Amino acid sequence: MPVMHKNTAAIVKQKRDTAKLGLEEAARAASMSVFKLYRIEQLKQPLKVEDAIALAKIFHCSPLELLPELEEALASAEVAR
């Protein structure tokens, strides 16, 4: 399921920069093309959950940190209970 959020691109780029990984290196480690990661960082391609999981592993973070829209939806669901 694709997830699109205005902050997704900035978050992915910031995590990659913090990890000191180049675009090619991060894409290879996440088993995706450089073009795909570039498009995600430019907010031209939605970040799929499976891609968020792969990136989170190399960035040593939770996939939810890369998917703020999903995190917000989960928080709203908890409040509604």
Protein backbone atom coordinates (compact mmCIF):
# COMPACT_ATOMS: atom_id res chain seq x y z
CA MET A 1 0.00 0.00 0.00
CA PRO A 2 1.62 3.28 -1.08
CA VAL A 3 1.79 5.99 1.53
CA MET A 4 2.30 9.62 0.54
CA HIS A 5 3.04 12.37 3.04
CA LYS A 6 4.59 15.76 2.48
CA ASN A 7 7.35 15.07 5.03
CA THR A 8 8.25 11.60 3.75
CA ALA A 9 10.84 12.82 1.26
CA ALA A 10 12.58 15.04 3.79
CA ILE A 11 12.57 12.33 6.44
CA VAL A 12 14.05 9.69 4.12
CA LYS A 13 16.73 12.11 2.89
CA GLN A 14 17.57 13.23 6.44
CA LYS A 15 17.86 9.62 7.66
CA ARG A 16 20.10 8.75 4.69
CA ASP A 17 22.30 11.79 5.36
CA THR A 18 22.50 10.95 9.07
CA ALA A 19 23.54 7.39 8.17
CA LYS A 20 26.21 8.93 5.90
CA LEU A 21 25.02 6.86 2.95
CA GLY A 22 25.11 7.97 -0.65
CA LEU A 23 22.07 7.46 -2.84
CA GLU A 24 23.59 4.43 -4.59
CA GLU A 25 24.81 2.83 -1.37
CA ALA A 26 21.45 3.26 0.39
CA ALA A 27 19.50 2.00 -2.61
CA ARG A 28 21.71 -1.07 -2.93
CA ALA A 29 21.43 -1.85 0.79
CA ALA A 30 17.63 -1.53 0.60
CA SER A 31 17.48 -3.68 -2.56
CA MET A 32 15.92 -0.95 -4.68
CA SER A 33 17.03 1.00 -7.70
CA VAL A 34 18.79 4.32 -7.32
CA PHE A 35 16.06 5.82 -9.51
CA LYS A 36 13.34 4.59 -7.13
CA LEU A 37 15.05 5.97 -4.02
CA TYR A 38 15.70 9.26 -5.82
CA ARG A 39 12.00 9.51 -6.76
CA ILE A 40 10.95 8.75 -3.18
CA GLU A 41 13.24 11.49 -1.89
CA GLN A 42 11.82 13.91 -4.48
CA LEU A 43 8.24 12.97 -3.45
CA LYS A 44 7.58 11.76 -6.98
CA GLN A 45 6.96 8.19 -5.91
CA PRO A 46 5.03 7.00 -2.87
CA LEU A 47 6.92 5.16 -0.16
CA LYS A 48 5.48 1.67 0.06
CA VAL A 49 5.38 -0.05 3.43
CA GLU A 50 7.78 -2.77 2.27
CA ASP A 51 10.25 -0.11 1.11
CA ALA A 52 9.91 1.73 4.43
CA ILE A 53 10.77 -1.51 6.23
CA ALA A 54 13.86 -2.06 4.05
CA LEU A 55 15.03 1.54 4.52
CA ALA A 56 14.36 1.47 8.27
CA LYS A 57 16.67 -1.52 8.60
CA ILE A 58 19.59 0.33 7.04
CA PHE A 59 18.78 3.59 8.84
CA HIS A 60 18.41 1.77 12.19
CA CYS A 61 15.00 3.28 12.90
CA SER A 62 11.36 2.26 13.03
CA PRO A 63 9.46 2.12 9.72
CA LEU A 64 6.90 4.36 11.40
CA GLU A 65 9.50 7.14 11.54
CA LEU A 66 9.53 7.05 7.73
CA LEU A 67 5.74 6.87 7.44
CA PRO A 68 4.35 9.82 9.42
CA GLU A 69 0.91 9.43 7.84
CA LEU A 70 0.64 5.86 9.11
CA GLU A 71 1.94 6.85 12.53
CA GLU A 72 -0.68 9.63 12.73
CA ALA A 73 -3.45 7.21 11.70
CA LEU A 74 -2.39 4.71 14.36
CA ALA A 75 -2.32 7.45 17.01
CA SER A 76 -5.81 8.61 15.99
CA ALA A 77 -7.08 5.04 16.17
CA GLU A 78 -5.72 4.70 19.71
CA VAL A 79 -7.43 7.94 20.77
CA ALA A 80 -10.73 6.76 19.29
CA ARG A 81 -10.72 3.64 21.47
